[in-house]
């Protein structure tokens, strides 16, 4: 009988949800550390200064892996690719749009914000997953809310990944070629190739900056790990796998505590997170990795937690200050409160928006496409996707 506090072992990739939950929580704690001390200073930075970039890198690696795992049965048809894009778009955009508009009216004073110079453009760029071009690498201009800069990379990668599937068995060669062109050849022709994600090659267009950013290597790493998982490659010695998991987790912990090469690159946080992800994926092929239910559920709501925590952290101090309790909006107690409220809001968003609105948008789009001249030649599936989407 399995421990009720852990996930059943019949899901070999249950730990992926836990990784998602940890990644989201790390970002929340990093942004909440300013309640303890200003960013980059004091106890807040000592405890959580390394958490933000760690969470983002882990998200990107997991995303690349999941794209491989969930499209293993791709037949290379236009039907499959369109379905894939609809599911990705429907999963991300509705929740993101609601969170962004809510942030504008709750935190940024709504109409006053929209009357500001360039703010309408910022909101439009946000909803279109386009960097504004007003910032530096790796965000190249923050959207509304600021955490949305990572979704610009996500949607770009989804699109490139989807188009590569049109080439059937050659999809991986096409994807690898595209990544080499955008991440190696173009930067080389521009005079420099680097893994430093804070590098700006100086391109005029913000989206070209995004496409050539070394941060995309994290997705590529996730794809490689996914291909290894789908391959016959395995480590059969269970004792060796347990030892490797201990070593990999210890390396991550050491990098966190030592703050060695922190950042969004494969030569920064990728140094420990990529090997850890690979080790756990290989271990899952031989061992029953039991995942705590709490972490699994945190992974389920991780997207909503990631999107909504800025609104909670920015908005919750407002009523406290208006009631004369501004002194309570600092310290560990307020970090705890905002984190707890963020989780509650994420639970509601997951139920109402991710499982409600987003699912309806997906079904409507698939139904609409099924009525078009193109789609009459194929059958679009409207089956509910698995948990790992």
Protein backbone atom coordinates (compact mmCIF):
# COMPACT_ATOMS: atom_id res chain seq x y z
CA UNK A 1 0.00 0.00 0.00
CA UNK A 2 1.43 3.35 -1.00
CA UNK A 3 1.75 6.24 1.36
CA UNK A 4 -1.32 8.52 0.86
CA UNK A 5 0.97 11.53 1.17
CA UNK A 6 2.75 10.54 -2.03
CA UNK A 7 1.69 10.10 -5.60
CA UNK A 8 0.96 6.63 -6.90
CA UNK A 9 4.03 5.13 -8.59
CA UNK A 10 2.13 4.24 -11.81
CA UNK A 11 2.87 7.72 -13.17
CA UNK A 12 6.61 7.62 -13.90
CA UNK A 13 6.73 11.31 -14.75
CA UNK A 14 4.80 12.61 -11.77
CA UNK A 15 7.95 14.33 -10.58
CA UNK A 16 7.67 16.71 -13.55
CA UNK A 17 4.63 18.31 -11.91
CA UNK A 18 6.63 18.65 -8.70
CA UNK A 19 9.42 20.39 -10.62
CA UNK A 20 6.86 22.80 -12.02
CA UNK A 21 5.53 23.51 -8.55
CA UNK A 22 9.01 24.11 -7.17
CA UNK A 23 9.84 26.41 -10.09
CA UNK A 24 6.72 28.53 -9.54
CA UNK A 25 7.29 28.71 -5.79
CA UNK A 26 10.90 29.81 -6.30
CA UNK A 27 9.78 32.72 -8.48
CA UNK A 28 7.11 33.71 -5.95
CA UNK A 29 9.61 33.69 -3.09
CA UNK A 30 12.15 35.67 -5.08
CA UNK A 31 9.64 38.42 -5.88
CA UNK A 32 8.36 38.32 -2.30
CA UNK A 33 11.86 38.68 -0.87
CA UNK A 34 11.55 42.46 -1.27
CA UNK A 35 9.21 42.44 1.72
CA UNK A 36 12.19 41.35 3.80
CA UNK A 37 14.83 43.58 2.23
CA UNK A 38 15.27 45.42 -1.10
CA UNK A 39 16.20 43.26 -4.08
CA UNK A 40 19.86 42.31 -4.05
CA UNK A 41 20.41 43.22 -0.41
CA UNK A 42 20.08 41.82 3.10
CA UNK A 43 18.43 38.68 4.36
CA UNK A 44 15.85 38.56 1.60
CA UNK A 45 18.54 38.32 -1.04
CA UNK A 46 20.54 35.85 1.03
CA UNK A 47 17.59 33.48 1.29
CA UNK A 48 15.82 33.92 -2.03
CA UNK A 49 18.08 35.94 -4.33
CA UNK A 50 19.02 32.81 -6.26
CA UNK A 51 15.46 31.54 -6.54
CA UNK A 52 14.07 33.70 -9.35
CA UNK A 53 16.43 32.70 -12.16
CA UNK A 54 16.40 29.12 -10.88
CA UNK A 55 12.63 28.90 -11.26
CA UNK A 56 12.67 30.37 -14.77
CA UNK A 57 15.39 28.02 -16.00
CA UNK A 58 13.61 25.00 -14.54
CA UNK A 59 10.37 26.08 -16.25
CA UNK A 60 12.11 26.31 -19.63
CA UNK A 61 13.84 22.94 -19.35
CA UNK A 62 10.60 21.25 -18.29
CA UNK A 63 8.75 22.95 -21.15
CA UNK A 64 11.16 21.58 -23.75
CA UNK A 65 10.87 18.10 -22.27
CA UNK A 66 7.08 18.16 -22.19
CA UNK A 67 6.88 19.27 -25.83
CA UNK A 68 8.76 16.13 -26.85
CA UNK A 69 6.80 13.84 -24.54
CA UNK A 70 3.33 15.08 -25.49
CA UNK A 71 3.98 15.04 -29.26
CA UNK A 72 5.60 11.61 -29.44
CA UNK A 73 2.74 10.40 -31.65
CA UNK A 74 2.86 13.31 -34.07
CA UNK A 75 2.16 12.14 -37.63
CA UNK A 76 3.58 15.28 -39.21
CA UNK A 77 0.21 16.34 -40.62
CA UNK A 78 -1.09 19.89 -40.74
CA UNK A 79 -4.08 18.66 -38.75
CA UNK A 80 -1.89 17.57 -35.85
CA UNK A 81 0.16 20.78 -35.92
CA UNK A 82 -2.91 23.01 -35.87
CA UNK A 83 -4.37 21.00 -33.02
CA UNK A 84 -1.11 21.35 -31.12
CA UNK A 85 -1.03 25.12 -31.59
CA UNK A 86 -4.67 25.48 -30.56
CA UNK A 87 -4.08 23.53 -27.37
CA UNK A 88 -0.95 25.56 -26.54
CA UNK A 89 -2.63 28.87 -27.30
CA UNK A 90 -5.80 27.97 -25.40
CA UNK A 91 -3.83 26.83 -22.38
CA UNK A 92 -1.82 30.05 -22.14
CA UNK A 93 -3.59 33.04 -23.67
CA UNK A 94 -7.02 33.17 -21.95
CA UNK A 95 -5.57 33.01 -18.43
CA UNK A 96 -2.74 35.37 -19.35
CA UNK A 97 -5.15 37.89 -20.89
CA UNK A 98 -7.43 37.89 -17.84
CA UNK A 99 -4.46 38.22 -15.47
CA UNK A 100 -2.95 41.07 -17.50
CA UNK A 101 -6.15 43.12 -17.74
CA UNK A 102 -6.89 42.52 -14.06
CA UNK A 103 -3.38 43.69 -13.17
CA UNK A 104 -3.93 46.89 -15.15
CA UNK A 105 -7.14 47.80 -13.32
CA UNK A 106 -6.27 46.54 -9.82
CA UNK A 107 -2.64 47.60 -9.50
CA UNK A 108 -2.01 50.18 -12.23
CA UNK A 109 -5.13 52.35 -11.77
CA UNK A 110 -6.84 51.21 -14.94
CA UNK A 111 -7.87 54.09 -17.18
CA UNK A 112 -5.11 56.27 -15.75
CA UNK A 113 -2.55 53.69 -16.86
CA UNK A 114 -4.09 53.37 -20.32
CA UNK A 115 -3.89 57.14 -20.82
CA UNK A 116 -0.15 57.05 -20.16
CA UNK A 117 2.33 57.36 -23.00
CA UNK A 118 3.04 53.99 -24.59
CA UNK A 119 0.93 52.00 -22.16
CA UNK A 120 -1.67 50.91 -24.73
CA UNK A 121 1.19 49.66 -26.88
CA UNK A 122 2.62 47.79 -23.88
CA UNK A 123 -0.71 46.06 -23.25
CA UNK A 124 -1.12 45.13 -26.92
CA UNK A 125 2.42 43.73 -27.05
CA UNK A 126 1.61 41.77 -23.89
CA UNK A 127 -1.46 40.16 -25.41
CA UNK A 128 0.42 39.35 -28.63
CA UNK A 129 3.47 37.85 -26.86
CA UNK A 130 5.78 40.43 -28.41
CA UNK A 131 8.58 42.19 -26.49
CA UNK A 132 8.13 45.95 -26.42
CA UNK A 133 11.79 46.51 -27.24
CA UNK A 134 12.11 49.01 -24.40
CA UNK A 135 14.16 46.80 -22.10
CA UNK A 136 17.42 44.90 -21.97
CA UNK A 137 18.23 41.22 -22.30
CA UNK A 138 16.70 38.78 -21.60
CA UNK A 139 13.23 40.41 -21.38
CA UNK A 140 13.69 43.12 -24.04
CA UNK A 141 10.85 45.08 -22.53
CA UNK A 142 8.53 43.93 -19.77
CA UNK A 143 4.89 43.13 -20.55
CA UNK A 144 1.94 43.51 -18.17
CA UNK A 145 2.50 41.80 -15.76
CA UNK A 146 6.28 41.72 -15.84
CA UNK A 147 6.55 37.93 -15.39
CA UNK A 148 4.99 37.56 -18.84
CA UNK A 149 8.37 38.07 -20.52
CA UNK A 150 9.03 34.35 -20.18
CA UNK A 151 5.78 33.57 -22.03
CA UNK A 152 7.12 35.45 -25.05
CA UNK A 153 9.86 32.81 -25.21
CA UNK A 154 7.37 30.01 -24.55
CA UNK A 155 5.09 31.00 -27.43
CA UNK A 156 8.03 31.48 -29.79
CA UNK A 157 9.31 28.02 -28.95
CA UNK A 158 5.85 26.46 -29.32
CA UNK A 159 5.57 27.96 -32.80
CA UNK A 160 9.02 26.79 -33.95
CA UNK A 161 8.43 23.36 -32.42
CA UNK A 162 5.05 23.06 -34.15
CA UNK A 163 6.40 24.03 -37.56
CA UNK A 164 9.20 21.49 -37.24
CA UNK A 165 6.59 18.74 -36.83
CA UNK A 166 5.43 19.38 -40.40
CA UNK A 167 8.65 17.73 -41.60
CA UNK A 168 7.72 14.34 -40.17
CA UNK A 169 10.71 12.14 -39.42
CA UNK A 170 13.04 15.03 -40.21
CA UNK A 171 11.47 17.21 -37.52
CA UNK A 172 14.41 16.97 -35.12
CA UNK A 173 16.92 17.76 -37.85
CA UNK A 174 14.86 20.78 -38.89
CA UNK A 175 14.48 21.97 -35.31
CA UNK A 176 18.20 21.54 -34.63
CA UNK A 177 19.04 23.40 -37.84
CA UNK A 178 16.79 26.30 -36.92
CA UNK A 179 18.28 26.56 -33.45
CA UNK A 180 21.81 26.47 -34.86
CA UNK A 181 20.97 29.18 -37.37
CA UNK A 182 19.32 31.51 -34.84
CA UNK A 183 21.59 30.82 -31.86
CA UNK A 184 24.94 30.25 -33.59
CA UNK A 185 25.08 31.37 -37.22
CA UNK A 186 23.24 34.69 -36.95
CA UNK A 187 25.14 35.78 -33.81
CA UNK A 188 28.41 34.66 -35.43
CA UNK A 189 27.70 36.71 -38.56
CA UNK A 190 26.91 39.59 -36.25
CA UNK A 191 30.33 39.24 -34.70
CA UNK A 192 29.77 37.30 -31.50
CA UNK A 193 28.51 33.96 -30.14
CA UNK A 194 27.88 33.67 -26.42
CA UNK A 195 25.93 31.72 -23.82
CA UNK A 196 25.48 34.84 -21.70
CA UNK A 197 21.73 35.51 -21.59
CA UNK A 198 22.31 39.13 -20.62
CA UNK A 199 23.96 39.79 -23.98
CA UNK A 200 22.20 42.05 -26.47
CA UNK A 201 23.47 41.51 -30.01
CA UNK A 202 22.15 44.92 -30.94
CA UNK A 203 19.51 43.84 -33.44
CA UNK A 204 16.94 46.51 -34.20
CA UNK A 205 13.82 44.37 -33.87
CA UNK A 206 12.91 43.10 -30.40
CA UNK A 207 11.62 39.76 -31.67
CA UNK A 208 14.88 39.08 -33.49
CA UNK A 209 16.61 39.76 -30.18
CA UNK A 210 14.35 37.20 -28.52
CA UNK A 211 14.91 34.57 -31.24
CA UNK A 212 18.69 34.86 -30.94
CA UNK A 213 18.82 34.99 -27.14
CA UNK A 214 20.96 32.23 -25.60
CA UNK A 215 18.15 31.59 -23.13
CA UNK A 216 16.50 29.47 -25.85
CA UNK A 217 19.21 26.86 -25.28
CA UNK A 218 17.31 25.89 -22.12
CA UNK A 219 14.37 24.72 -24.27
CA UNK A 220 16.82 22.85 -26.49
CA UNK A 221 18.25 21.12 -23.40
CA UNK A 222 14.74 20.05 -22.40
CA UNK A 223 14.14 18.68 -25.91
CA UNK A 224 17.37 16.66 -25.76
CA UNK A 225 16.37 15.22 -22.39
CA UNK A 226 12.97 14.36 -23.83
CA UNK A 227 14.57 12.53 -26.75
CA UNK A 228 16.81 10.61 -24.35
CA UNK A 229 13.74 9.62 -22.33
CA UNK A 230 12.03 8.33 -25.49
CA UNK A 231 15.17 6.43 -26.54
CA UNK A 232 16.47 3.04 -25.32
CA UNK A 233 19.16 4.84 -23.29
CA UNK A 234 18.88 3.76 -19.66
CA UNK A 235 20.85 3.20 -16.47
CA UNK A 236 19.81 -0.16 -15.08
CA UNK A 237 21.69 -0.10 -11.78
CA UNK A 238 19.15 1.19 -9.24
CA UNK A 239 21.80 1.93 -6.63
CA UNK A 240 23.69 4.05 -9.16
CA UNK A 241 20.50 5.94 -10.02
CA UNK A 242 19.78 6.68 -6.37
CA UNK A 243 23.34 7.92 -5.93
CA UNK A 244 23.11 10.09 -9.05
CA UNK A 245 19.86 11.64 -7.84
CA UNK A 246 21.46 12.48 -4.51
CA UNK A 247 24.50 13.99 -6.22
CA UNK A 248 22.43 16.01 -8.69
CA UNK A 249 20.15 17.44 -6.00
CA UNK A 250 23.18 18.22 -3.86
CA UNK A 251 24.76 20.08 -6.78
CA UNK A 252 21.61 22.17 -7.22
CA UNK A 253 21.55 22.92 -3.48
CA UNK A 254 25.25 23.84 -3.51
CA UNK A 255 24.82 26.19 -6.44
CA UNK A 256 21.87 27.82 -4.69
CA UNK A 257 23.78 28.34 -1.45
CA UNK A 258 27.10 29.33 -3.03
CA UNK A 259 25.41 31.52 -5.67
CA UNK A 260 27.86 30.14 -8.22
CA UNK A 261 27.13 31.48 -11.73
CA UNK A 262 23.52 32.43 -11.14
CA UNK A 263 21.57 33.38 -14.23
CA UNK A 264 19.27 32.10 -16.97
CA UNK A 265 21.87 30.40 -19.16
CA UNK A 266 22.93 26.82 -19.76
CA UNK A 267 26.34 27.80 -18.34
CA UNK A 268 24.67 29.33 -15.27
CA UNK A 269 21.70 27.67 -13.56
CA UNK A 270 21.74 25.16 -16.40
CA UNK A 271 24.98 23.75 -14.98
CA UNK A 272 23.09 21.97 -12.20
CA UNK A 273 19.46 21.92 -13.34
CA UNK A 274 20.04 20.27 -16.71
CA UNK A 275 21.97 17.31 -15.21
CA UNK A 276 19.40 17.02 -12.40
CA UNK A 277 16.53 16.89 -14.89
CA UNK A 278 18.37 14.29 -16.98
CA UNK A 279 19.14 12.12 -13.95
CA UNK A 280 15.54 12.16 -12.70
CA UNK A 281 14.23 11.36 -16.18
CA UNK A 282 16.58 8.38 -16.47
CA UNK A 283 15.70 7.29 -12.94
CA UNK A 284 12.00 7.36 -13.77
CA UNK A 285 12.62 4.64 -16.36
CA UNK A 286 13.76 2.21 -13.65
CA UNK A 287 12.52 3.49 -10.29
CA UNK A 288 9.07 4.30 -8.91
CA UNK A 289 9.60 7.94 -7.98
CA UNK A 290 6.98 8.82 -5.38
CA UNK A 291 6.11 12.49 -5.42
CA UNK A 292 4.46 14.33 -2.50
CA UNK A 293 0.84 15.11 -3.32
CA UNK A 294 1.28 18.72 -2.20
CA UNK A 295 4.09 19.31 -4.70
CA UNK A 296 2.15 17.55 -7.45
CA UNK A 297 -0.85 19.80 -6.87
CA UNK A 298 1.41 22.86 -6.69
CA UNK A 299 2.62 21.81 -10.12
CA UNK A 300 -0.97 21.57 -11.36
CA UNK A 301 -1.62 25.19 -10.38
CA UNK A 302 1.90 26.43 -11.19
CA UNK A 303 0.90 28.40 -14.29
CA UNK A 304 -1.78 30.32 -12.41
CA UNK A 305 0.54 30.78 -9.43
CA UNK A 306 3.20 32.20 -11.71
CA UNK A 307 0.77 34.62 -13.40
CA UNK A 308 -1.22 35.85 -10.42
CA UNK A 309 1.37 36.24 -7.66
CA UNK A 310 2.55 39.67 -8.93
CA UNK A 311 -1.00 41.00 -8.59
CA UNK A 312 -1.22 39.70 -5.02
CA UNK A 313 2.19 41.02 -4.06
CA UNK A 314 1.52 44.43 -5.60
CA UNK A 315 -2.14 44.69 -4.68
CA UNK A 316 -2.36 43.32 -1.14
CA UNK A 317 -0.40 46.18 0.46
CA UNK A 318 -3.00 48.66 -0.84
CA UNK A 319 -5.85 47.75 1.56
CA UNK A 320 -3.39 47.39 4.46
CA UNK A 321 -2.05 50.89 3.86
CA UNK A 322 -5.51 52.39 3.36
CA UNK A 323 -6.59 51.00 6.75
CA UNK A 324 -3.52 52.44 8.47
CA UNK A 325 -1.63 49.16 8.78
CA UNK A 326 1.16 49.84 6.34
CA UNK A 327 3.65 48.68 8.94
CA UNK A 328 2.38 45.12 8.42
CA UNK A 329 3.38 45.07 4.74
CA UNK A 330 6.99 44.18 5.43
CA UNK A 331 8.92 41.26 6.87
CA UNK A 332 8.60 37.49 6.84
CA UNK A 333 4.98 37.65 7.97
CA UNK A 334 3.92 39.55 4.86
CA UNK A 335 5.97 37.26 2.64
CA UNK A 336 4.10 34.35 4.18
CA UNK A 337 0.73 36.07 3.76
CA UNK A 338 1.23 37.06 0.13
CA UNK A 339 2.50 33.59 -0.73
CA UNK A 340 -0.51 31.93 0.92
CA UNK A 341 -2.96 34.31 -0.78
CA UNK A 342 -1.19 33.76 -4.12
CA UNK A 343 -1.72 30.02 -3.76
CA UNK A 344 -5.42 30.53 -2.95
CA UNK A 345 -5.85 32.79 -5.99
CA UNK A 346 -3.98 30.25 -8.13
CA UNK A 347 -6.33 27.47 -7.00
CA UNK A 348 -9.35 29.54 -8.04
CA UNK A 349 -7.71 30.52 -11.33
CA UNK A 350 -6.87 26.90 -12.07
CA UNK A 351 -10.45 25.82 -11.56
CA UNK A 352 -12.25 28.75 -13.18
CA UNK A 353 -9.83 29.81 -15.89
CA UNK A 354 -7.49 26.94 -16.74
CA UNK A 355 -10.07 24.15 -16.43
CA UNK A 356 -13.00 26.38 -17.30
CA UNK A 357 -12.39 29.30 -19.66
CA UNK A 358 -9.28 27.89 -21.33
CA UNK A 359 -10.96 24.55 -22.01
CA UNK A 360 -13.97 26.30 -23.53
CA UNK A 361 -11.77 28.44 -25.75
CA UNK A 362 -9.96 25.33 -26.94
CA UNK A 363 -13.19 23.51 -27.76
CA UNK A 364 -14.61 26.54 -29.59
CA UNK A 365 -11.49 26.93 -31.70
CA UNK A 366 -11.37 23.26 -32.59
CA UNK A 367 -15.05 23.30 -33.42
CA UNK A 368 -14.61 26.41 -35.56
CA UNK A 369 -11.73 24.85 -37.47
CA UNK A 370 -13.72 21.68 -37.99
CA UNK A 371 -16.23 23.75 -39.97
CA UNK A 372 -13.67 25.39 -42.27
CA UNK A 373 -12.91 24.18 -45.76
CA UNK A 374 -9.42 23.09 -44.67
CA UNK A 375 -10.59 21.10 -41.69
CA UNK A 376 -13.37 19.28 -43.54
CA UNK A 377 -10.65 17.09 -45.01
CA UNK A 378 -9.49 16.00 -41.57
CA UNK A 379 -10.97 15.23 -38.20
CA UNK A 380 -10.05 17.41 -35.26
CA UNK A 381 -10.01 15.71 -31.90
CA UNK A 382 -11.64 17.54 -29.00
CA UNK A 383 -10.61 15.07 -26.35
CA UNK A 384 -9.55 16.49 -23.04
CA UNK A 385 -5.74 16.67 -22.81
CA UNK A 386 -3.83 14.84 -20.14
CA UNK A 387 -2.64 16.59 -17.00
CA UNK A 388 0.85 17.04 -18.43
CA UNK A 389 0.09 19.63 -21.14
